[in-house]
């Protein structure tokens, strides 16, 4: 949750006016200690993410899914040169899930790929 700039200013002004410690200020306003410490360094909230864009090309990932529907995440990660978690999050962004079937299909795979409809 992002607290408003007015609330942040109020918290920091009460802290300085009454000479409260970080812990007492956090307890008084029911916010985390880390938030109060962070606000003492920079009061304004961040307006942009400092996370770099993903290295995975989504179109190439879709093509890889079509070519290798039974591939494990670690195999895809090796092909794309990223971590396994990177593949998991990219598949989640694409809306791809795997349904495990109790019976093997004709191809011998127990996994069926589901591409969720795009909203």
C-alpha atoms as a PDB file:
ATOM      1  CA  UNK A   1       0.000   0.000   0.000  1.00  0.00           C
ATOM      2  CA  UNK A   2       1.311   3.435  -0.844  1.00  0.00           C
ATOM      3  CA  UNK A   3       0.729   6.127   1.734  1.00  0.00           C
ATOM      4  CA  UNK A   4      -0.140   9.613   0.538  1.00  0.00           C
ATOM      5  CA  UNK A   5       2.459  12.354   0.543  1.00  0.00           C
ATOM      6  CA  UNK A   6       0.371  14.352   3.034  1.00  0.00           C
ATOM      7  CA  UNK A   7       0.358  11.444   5.479  1.00  0.00           C
ATOM      8  CA  UNK A   8       4.100  10.965   5.086  1.00  0.00           C
ATOM      9  CA  UNK A   9       4.711  14.663   5.772  1.00  0.00           C
ATOM     10  CA  UNK A  10       2.466  14.528   8.838  1.00  0.00           C
ATOM     11  CA  UNK A  11       4.294  11.494  10.228  1.00  0.00           C
ATOM     12  CA  UNK A  12       7.719  13.041   9.722  1.00  0.00           C
ATOM     13  CA  UNK A  13       6.677  16.423  11.126  1.00  0.00           C
ATOM     14  CA  UNK A  14       5.261  14.801  14.286  1.00  0.00           C
ATOM     15  CA  UNK A  15       8.461  12.758  14.603  1.00  0.00           C
ATOM     16  CA  UNK A  16      10.680  15.830  14.427  1.00  0.00           C
ATOM     17  CA  UNK A  17       8.384  18.117  16.477  1.00  0.00           C
ATOM     18  CA  UNK A  18       7.992  15.659  19.364  1.00  0.00           C
ATOM     19  CA  UNK A  19      11.480  14.159  19.086  1.00  0.00           C
ATOM     20  CA  UNK A  20      10.192  10.607  18.700  1.00  0.00           C
ATOM     21  CA  UNK A  21      12.379   7.688  17.705  1.00  0.00           C
ATOM     22  CA  UNK A  22      11.718   5.797  14.496  1.00  0.00           C
ATOM     23  CA  UNK A  23      10.214   2.889  16.420  1.00  0.00           C
ATOM     24  CA  UNK A  24       7.881   5.100  18.500  1.00  0.00           C
ATOM     25  CA  UNK A  25       6.770   6.979  15.378  1.00  0.00           C
ATOM     26  CA  UNK A  26       6.044   3.756  13.525  1.00  0.00           C
ATOM     27  CA  UNK A  27       4.104   2.402  16.491  1.00  0.00           C
ATOM     28  CA  UNK A  28       2.118   5.620  16.930  1.00  0.00           C
ATOM     29  CA  UNK A  29       0.983   5.770  13.294  1.00  0.00           C
ATOM     30  CA  UNK A  30       0.673   1.982  12.822  1.00  0.00           C
ATOM     31  CA  UNK A  31       3.134   1.814   9.949  1.00  0.00           C
ATOM     32  CA  UNK A  32       6.242  -0.299   9.591  1.00  0.00           C
ATOM     33  CA  UNK A  33       9.555   0.831  10.970  1.00  0.00           C
ATOM     34  CA  UNK A  34      11.121   0.376   7.540  1.00  0.00           C
ATOM     35  CA  UNK A  35       8.603   2.815   6.038  1.00  0.00           C
ATOM     36  CA  UNK A  36       9.449   5.547   8.545  1.00  0.00           C
ATOM     37  CA  UNK A  37      13.182   5.067   8.000  1.00  0.00           C
ATOM     38  CA  UNK A  38      12.685   5.144   4.220  1.00  0.00           C
ATOM     39  CA  UNK A  39      10.571   8.322   4.470  1.00  0.00           C
ATOM     40  CA  UNK A  40      13.324  10.004   6.487  1.00  0.00           C
ATOM     41  CA  UNK A  41      15.647   9.491   3.523  1.00  0.00           C
ATOM     42  CA  UNK A  42      13.204  10.289   0.717  1.00  0.00           C
ATOM     43  CA  UNK A  43       9.683  11.499   1.388  1.00  0.00           C
ATOM     44  CA  UNK A  44       8.217  11.290  -2.126  1.00  0.00           C
ATOM     45  CA  UNK A  45       7.000   7.901  -3.333  1.00  0.00           C
ATOM     46  CA  UNK A  46       8.622   6.278  -6.336  1.00  0.00           C
ATOM     47  CA  UNK A  47       6.738   6.864  -9.540  1.00  0.00           C
ATOM     48  CA  UNK A  48       8.496   4.293 -11.709  1.00  0.00           C
ATOM     49  CA  UNK A  49       9.848   0.794 -11.375  1.00  0.00           C
ATOM     50  CA  UNK A  50      13.569   0.324 -11.381  1.00  0.00           C
ATOM     51  CA  UNK A  51      13.270  -3.153 -12.782  1.00  0.00           C
ATOM     52  CA  UNK A  52      14.772  -3.775 -16.214  1.00  0.00           C
ATOM     53  CA  UNK A  53      12.602  -5.083 -19.006  1.00  0.00           C
ATOM     54  CA  UNK A  54      12.383  -8.824 -19.356  1.00  0.00           C
ATOM     55  CA  UNK A  55      15.015 -10.590 -21.432  1.00  0.00           C
ATOM     56  CA  UNK A  56      12.494 -13.061 -22.775  1.00  0.00           C
ATOM     57  CA  UNK A  57      10.969 -12.373 -26.171  1.00  0.00           C
ATOM     58  CA  UNK A  58       7.298 -13.285 -25.732  1.00  0.00           C
ATOM     59  CA  UNK A  59       6.780 -14.190 -29.385  1.00  0.00           C
ATOM     60  CA  UNK A  60       9.787 -16.516 -29.275  1.00  0.00           C
ATOM     61  CA  UNK A  61       8.414 -18.050 -26.070  1.00  0.00           C
ATOM     62  CA  UNK A  62       5.047 -18.699 -27.755  1.00  0.00           C
ATOM     63  CA  UNK A  63       6.867 -20.387 -30.633  1.00  0.00           C
ATOM     64  CA  UNK A  64       8.920 -22.455 -28.195  1.00  0.00           C
ATOM     65  CA  UNK A  65       5.716 -23.585 -26.484  1.00  0.00           C
ATOM     66  CA  UNK A  66       4.330 -24.732 -29.836  1.00  0.00           C
ATOM     67  CA  UNK A  67       7.540 -26.576 -30.738  1.00  0.00           C
ATOM     68  CA  UNK A  68       8.124 -28.147 -27.321  1.00  0.00           C
ATOM     69  CA  UNK A  69       4.782 -28.394 -25.500  1.00  0.00           C
ATOM     70  CA  UNK A  70       6.078 -30.984 -23.005  1.00  0.00           C
ATOM     71  CA  UNK A  71       9.287 -29.155 -22.107  1.00  0.00           C
ATOM     72  CA  UNK A  72      10.140 -28.525 -18.499  1.00  0.00           C
ATOM     73  CA  UNK A  73      10.727 -25.008 -17.252  1.00  0.00           C
ATOM     74  CA  UNK A  74      14.436 -25.627 -16.730  1.00  0.00           C
ATOM     75  CA  UNK A  75      14.748 -26.749 -20.377  1.00  0.00           C
ATOM     76  CA  UNK A  76      13.081 -23.572 -21.608  1.00  0.00           C
ATOM     77  CA  UNK A  77      15.276 -21.543 -19.273  1.00  0.00           C
ATOM     78  CA  UNK A  78      18.400 -23.075 -20.796  1.00  0.00           C
ATOM     79  CA  UNK A  79      17.179 -22.321 -24.334  1.00  0.00           C
ATOM     80  CA  UNK A  80      16.430 -18.687 -23.460  1.00  0.00           C
ATOM     81  CA  UNK A  81      19.412 -18.135 -21.170  1.00  0.00           C
ATOM     82  CA  UNK A  82      17.305 -17.071 -18.185  1.00  0.00           C
ATOM     83  CA  UNK A  83      16.372 -18.499 -14.803  1.00  0.00           C
ATOM     84  CA  UNK A  84      13.607 -21.025 -14.254  1.00  0.00           C
ATOM     85  CA  UNK A  85      11.629 -18.442 -12.295  1.00  0.00           C
ATOM     86  CA  UNK A  86      11.927 -16.061 -15.240  1.00  0.00           C
ATOM     87  CA  UNK A  87      10.222 -18.663 -17.426  1.00  0.00           C
ATOM     88  CA  UNK A  88       7.513 -19.229 -14.818  1.00  0.00           C
ATOM     89  CA  UNK A  89       6.690 -15.516 -14.634  1.00  0.00           C
ATOM     90  CA  UNK A  90       6.791 -15.117 -18.415  1.00  0.00           C
ATOM     91  CA  UNK A  91       4.374 -18.023 -18.861  1.00  0.00           C
ATOM     92  CA  UNK A  92       2.136 -16.469 -16.243  1.00  0.00           C
ATOM     93  CA  UNK A  93       2.162 -13.158 -18.164  1.00  0.00           C
ATOM     94  CA  UNK A  94       1.162 -15.069 -21.299  1.00  0.00           C
ATOM     95  CA  UNK A  95      -1.606 -16.850 -19.407  1.00  0.00           C
ATOM     96  CA  UNK A  96      -0.178 -20.325 -20.031  1.00  0.00           C
ATOM     97  CA  UNK A  97      -0.979 -23.139 -17.615  1.00  0.00           C
ATOM     98  CA  UNK A  98      -0.398 -26.863 -17.676  1.00  0.00           C
ATOM     99  CA  UNK A  99      -3.131 -29.315 -16.786  1.00  0.00           C
ATOM    100  CA  UNK A 100      -1.899 -32.654 -15.561  1.00  0.00           C
ATOM    101  CA  UNK A 101      -4.083 -35.499 -16.762  1.00  0.00           C
ATOM    102  CA  UNK A 102      -4.349 -38.819 -14.916  1.00  0.00           C
ATOM    103  CA  UNK A 103      -4.264 -40.765 -18.216  1.00  0.00           C
ATOM    104  CA  UNK A 104      -1.521 -40.405 -20.760  1.00  0.00           C
ATOM    105  CA  UNK A 105      -2.580 -39.011 -24.113  1.00  0.00           C
ATOM    106  CA  UNK A 106      -1.771 -40.687 -27.448  1.00  0.00           C
ATOM    107  CA  UNK A 107       1.530 -38.859 -27.551  1.00  0.00           C
ATOM    108  CA  UNK A 108       2.474 -40.369 -24.225  1.00  0.00           C
ATOM    109  CA  UNK A 109       2.453 -37.057 -22.390  1.00  0.00           C
ATOM    110  CA  UNK A 110       0.498 -36.632 -19.189  1.00  0.00           C
ATOM    111  CA  UNK A 111       0.540 -32.848 -19.511  1.00  0.00           C
ATOM    112  CA  UNK A 112      -1.815 -30.866 -21.684  1.00  0.00           C
ATOM    113  CA  UNK A 113      -0.937 -27.283 -22.509  1.00  0.00           C
ATOM    114  CA  UNK A 114      -3.624 -24.691 -22.003  1.00  0.00           C
ATOM    115  CA  UNK A 115      -3.334 -21.228 -23.448  1.00  0.00           C
ATOM    116  CA  UNK A 116      -5.760 -19.050 -21.578  1.00  0.00           C
ATOM    117  CA  UNK A 117      -7.816 -16.655 -23.709  1.00  0.00           C
ATOM    118  CA  UNK A 118      -6.430 -13.154 -23.748  1.00  0.00           C
ATOM    119  CA  UNK A 119      -8.618 -10.630 -22.002  1.00  0.00           C
END
